[in-house]
Amino acid sequence: MNVTSITKTVVSVGGINYIAIAGNASNAALNLWINKNTATGTFPLEFVGSNYVAQFSTTSPMSMYNSVDNGTIVITKHDASGKIIEGSFQGTLYDDVAFPTDSVMITNGTFKVNY
């Protein structure tokens, strides 16, 4: 996916404050939800509502894929006072967390953003 724009914000969802990062392309988006209180380290990408979540969506055809404990995110730097976070991620995202019929594999994903 060739990202054409990046949006980032801090949001509170379900009692968790997230750094929400979206990499946008012409007909697709890749979203990372990272617990704002994270330290550096390697963490599992889990279900929506967890501390570390990845989502991939397309608009044509319309589809949504979510992480379900089958991937990792590595936070290599988090400067909370300077609001800079960077790292990498990889994993397989699924169209249905209970009964998946399709998946998307993400490899060599990286991010470095000021939020």
C-alpha atoms as a PDB file:
ATOM      1  CA  MET A   1       0.000   0.000   0.000  1.00  0.00           C
ATOM      2  CA  ASN A   2       1.441   3.361  -0.979  1.00  0.00           C
ATOM      3  CA  VAL A   3       0.353   5.814   1.700  1.00  0.00           C
ATOM      4  CA  THR A   4      -0.610   9.248   0.344  1.00  0.00           C
ATOM      5  CA  SER A   5      -1.482  10.887   3.677  1.00  0.00           C
ATOM      6  CA  ILE A   6      -1.239  10.204   7.395  1.00  0.00           C
ATOM      7  CA  THR A   7      -3.644  11.343  10.062  1.00  0.00           C
ATOM      8  CA  LYS A   8      -2.980  11.020  13.762  1.00  0.00           C
ATOM      9  CA  THR A   9      -4.791  12.007  16.923  1.00  0.00           C
ATOM     10  CA  VAL A  10      -5.266  11.034  20.545  1.00  0.00           C
ATOM     11  CA  VAL A  11      -8.693   9.563  21.264  1.00  0.00           C
ATOM     12  CA  SER A  12     -10.366   7.877  24.215  1.00  0.00           C
ATOM     13  CA  VAL A  13     -12.300   4.727  23.370  1.00  0.00           C
ATOM     14  CA  GLY A  14     -13.662   2.307  25.944  1.00  0.00           C
ATOM     15  CA  GLY A  15     -11.629   3.891  28.734  1.00  0.00           C
ATOM     16  CA  ILE A  16      -8.316   3.596  26.875  1.00  0.00           C
ATOM     17  CA  ASN A  17      -6.470   6.659  25.580  1.00  0.00           C
ATOM     18  CA  TYR A  18      -5.061   5.749  22.181  1.00  0.00           C
ATOM     19  CA  ILE A  19      -2.622   7.293  19.771  1.00  0.00           C
ATOM     20  CA  ALA A  20      -4.603   6.654  16.589  1.00  0.00           C
ATOM     21  CA  ILE A  21      -2.546   6.611  13.380  1.00  0.00           C
ATOM     22  CA  ALA A  22      -4.127   6.189   9.944  1.00  0.00           C
ATOM     23  CA  GLY A  23      -2.137   5.645   6.770  1.00  0.00           C
ATOM     24  CA  ASN A  24      -4.433   6.538   3.873  1.00  0.00           C
ATOM     25  CA  ALA A  25      -4.245   5.603   0.206  1.00  0.00           C
ATOM     26  CA  SER A  26      -6.647   6.191  -2.685  1.00  0.00           C
ATOM     27  CA  ASN A  27      -9.003   3.339  -1.773  1.00  0.00           C
ATOM     28  CA  ALA A  28      -7.579   1.893   1.445  1.00  0.00           C
ATOM     29  CA  ALA A  29      -6.549   2.784   4.989  1.00  0.00           C
ATOM     30  CA  LEU A  30      -4.370   1.109   7.595  1.00  0.00           C
ATOM     31  CA  ASN A  31      -5.076   2.145  11.191  1.00  0.00           C
ATOM     32  CA  LEU A  32      -3.007   1.554  14.305  1.00  0.00           C
ATOM     33  CA  TRP A  33      -4.446   2.086  17.792  1.00  0.00           C
ATOM     34  CA  ILE A  34      -1.642   2.317  20.368  1.00  0.00           C
ATOM     35  CA  ASN A  35      -2.203   2.761  24.104  1.00  0.00           C
ATOM     36  CA  LYS A  36      -1.001   6.306  24.848  1.00  0.00           C
ATOM     37  CA  ASN A  37       0.746   5.109  28.033  1.00  0.00           C
ATOM     38  CA  THR A  38       2.915   2.591  26.196  1.00  0.00           C
ATOM     39  CA  ALA A  39       6.617   2.145  26.787  1.00  0.00           C
ATOM     40  CA  THR A  40       9.127   0.763  24.300  1.00  0.00           C
ATOM     41  CA  GLY A  41       8.971  -2.967  23.693  1.00  0.00           C
ATOM     42  CA  THR A  42       7.275  -5.665  21.643  1.00  0.00           C
ATOM     43  CA  PHE A  43       3.530  -6.162  22.096  1.00  0.00           C
ATOM     44  CA  PRO A  44       0.849  -8.375  20.524  1.00  0.00           C
ATOM     45  CA  LEU A  45      -1.675  -6.914  18.106  1.00  0.00           C
ATOM     46  CA  GLU A  46      -4.984  -7.993  19.609  1.00  0.00           C
ATOM     47  CA  PHE A  47      -8.740  -7.598  19.336  1.00  0.00           C
ATOM     48  CA  VAL A  48     -10.453  -4.226  18.995  1.00  0.00           C
ATOM     49  CA  GLY A  49     -10.624  -2.740  22.504  1.00  0.00           C
ATOM     50  CA  SER A  50      -7.160  -3.986  23.490  1.00  0.00           C
ATOM     51  CA  ASN A  51      -4.022  -1.881  24.005  1.00  0.00           C
ATOM     52  CA  TYR A  52      -2.618  -2.477  20.500  1.00  0.00           C
ATOM     53  CA  VAL A  53      -4.907  -2.893  17.499  1.00  0.00           C
ATOM     54  CA  ALA A  54      -4.434  -2.860  13.724  1.00  0.00           C
ATOM     55  CA  GLN A  55      -7.208  -2.423  11.158  1.00  0.00           C
ATOM     56  CA  PHE A  56      -7.159  -2.411   7.369  1.00  0.00           C
ATOM     57  CA  SER A  57     -10.073  -1.267   5.222  1.00  0.00           C
ATOM     58  CA  THR A  58     -10.811  -0.790   1.552  1.00  0.00           C
ATOM     59  CA  THR A  59     -13.544   1.247  -0.108  1.00  0.00           C
ATOM     60  CA  SER A  60     -13.803  -0.672  -3.373  1.00  0.00           C
ATOM     61  CA  PRO A  61     -14.807  -3.325  -2.643  1.00  0.00           C
ATOM     62  CA  MET A  62     -15.827  -2.262   0.871  1.00  0.00           C
ATOM     63  CA  SER A  63     -14.087  -4.466   3.448  1.00  0.00           C
ATOM     64  CA  MET A  64     -12.652  -4.323   6.977  1.00  0.00           C
ATOM     65  CA  TYR A  65      -9.940  -6.514   8.508  1.00  0.00           C
ATOM     66  CA  ASN A  66      -8.938  -6.533  12.206  1.00  0.00           C
ATOM     67  CA  SER A  67      -6.096  -7.885  14.293  1.00  0.00           C
ATOM     68  CA  VAL A  68      -7.007 -10.891  16.421  1.00  0.00           C
ATOM     69  CA  ASP A  69      -3.874 -11.742  18.401  1.00  0.00           C
ATOM     70  CA  ASN A  70      -1.872 -12.718  15.337  1.00  0.00           C
ATOM     71  CA  GLY A  71       0.833 -10.100  14.965  1.00  0.00           C
ATOM     72  CA  THR A  72       3.188  -7.777  16.802  1.00  0.00           C
ATOM     73  CA  ILE A  73       3.919  -4.101  17.169  1.00  0.00           C
ATOM     74  CA  VAL A  74       7.374  -2.967  18.237  1.00  0.00           C
ATOM     75  CA  ILE A  75       7.602   0.469  19.859  1.00  0.00           C
ATOM     76  CA  THR A  76      11.222   1.594  19.400  1.00  0.00           C
ATOM     77  CA  LYS A  77      10.728   5.159  20.650  1.00  0.00           C
ATOM     78  CA  HIS A  78       8.009   6.939  22.613  1.00  0.00           C
ATOM     79  CA  ASP A  79       8.728  10.469  23.745  1.00  0.00           C
ATOM     80  CA  ALA A  80       5.479  11.360  25.536  1.00  0.00           C
ATOM     81  CA  SER A  81       6.533  14.938  26.327  1.00  0.00           C
ATOM     82  CA  GLY A  82       7.660  15.580  22.732  1.00  0.00           C
ATOM     83  CA  LYS A  83       4.686  13.538  21.418  1.00  0.00           C
ATOM     84  CA  ILE A  84       6.773  11.368  19.079  1.00  0.00           C
ATOM     85  CA  ILE A  85       6.212   7.656  18.624  1.00  0.00           C
ATOM     86  CA  GLU A  86       7.898   5.269  16.200  1.00  0.00           C
ATOM     87  CA  GLY A  87       8.179   1.582  15.553  1.00  0.00           C
ATOM     88  CA  SER A  88       7.216  -1.298  13.305  1.00  0.00           C
ATOM     89  CA  PHE A  89       4.428  -3.840  12.981  1.00  0.00           C
ATOM     90  CA  GLN A  90       3.456  -7.036  11.203  1.00  0.00           C
ATOM     91  CA  GLY A  91       0.679  -9.579  11.337  1.00  0.00           C
ATOM     92  CA  THR A  92      -2.369 -11.110   9.722  1.00  0.00           C
ATOM     93  CA  LEU A  93      -5.686  -9.265   9.918  1.00  0.00           C
ATOM     94  CA  TYR A  94      -9.023 -11.047   9.459  1.00  0.00           C
ATOM     95  CA  ASP A  95     -12.398 -10.066   8.019  1.00  0.00           C
ATOM     96  CA  ASP A  96     -14.338 -11.696  10.884  1.00  0.00           C
ATOM     97  CA  VAL A  97     -12.812 -12.336  14.298  1.00  0.00           C
ATOM     98  CA  ALA A  98     -15.125 -15.262  15.126  1.00  0.00           C
ATOM     99  CA  PHE A  99     -15.426 -16.976  11.725  1.00  0.00           C
ATOM    100  CA  PRO A 100     -12.769 -15.584   9.370  1.00  0.00           C
ATOM    101  CA  THR A 101     -13.124 -16.275   5.662  1.00  0.00           C
ATOM    102  CA  ASP A 102     -10.510 -13.833   4.355  1.00  0.00           C
ATOM    103  CA  SER A 103      -7.299 -12.269   5.604  1.00  0.00           C
ATOM    104  CA  VAL A 104      -4.696  -9.630   4.803  1.00  0.00           C
ATOM    105  CA  MET A 105      -1.022 -10.096   5.698  1.00  0.00           C
ATOM    106  CA  ILE A 106       0.894  -6.985   6.744  1.00  0.00           C
ATOM    107  CA  THR A 107       4.702  -7.175   6.584  1.00  0.00           C
ATOM    108  CA  ASN A 108       7.428  -4.629   7.227  1.00  0.00           C
ATOM    109  CA  GLY A 109       5.055  -1.900   8.419  1.00  0.00           C
ATOM    110  CA  THR A 110       6.748   1.131   9.980  1.00  0.00           C
ATOM    111  CA  PHE A 111       5.610   4.389  11.528  1.00  0.00           C
ATOM    112  CA  LYS A 112       7.168   7.556  12.900  1.00  0.00           C
ATOM    113  CA  VAL A 113       4.745  10.321  13.813  1.00  0.00           C
ATOM    114  CA  ASN A 114       4.369  13.408  15.938  1.00  0.00           C
ATOM    115  CA  TYR A 115       0.979  13.290  17.579  1.00  0.00           C
END
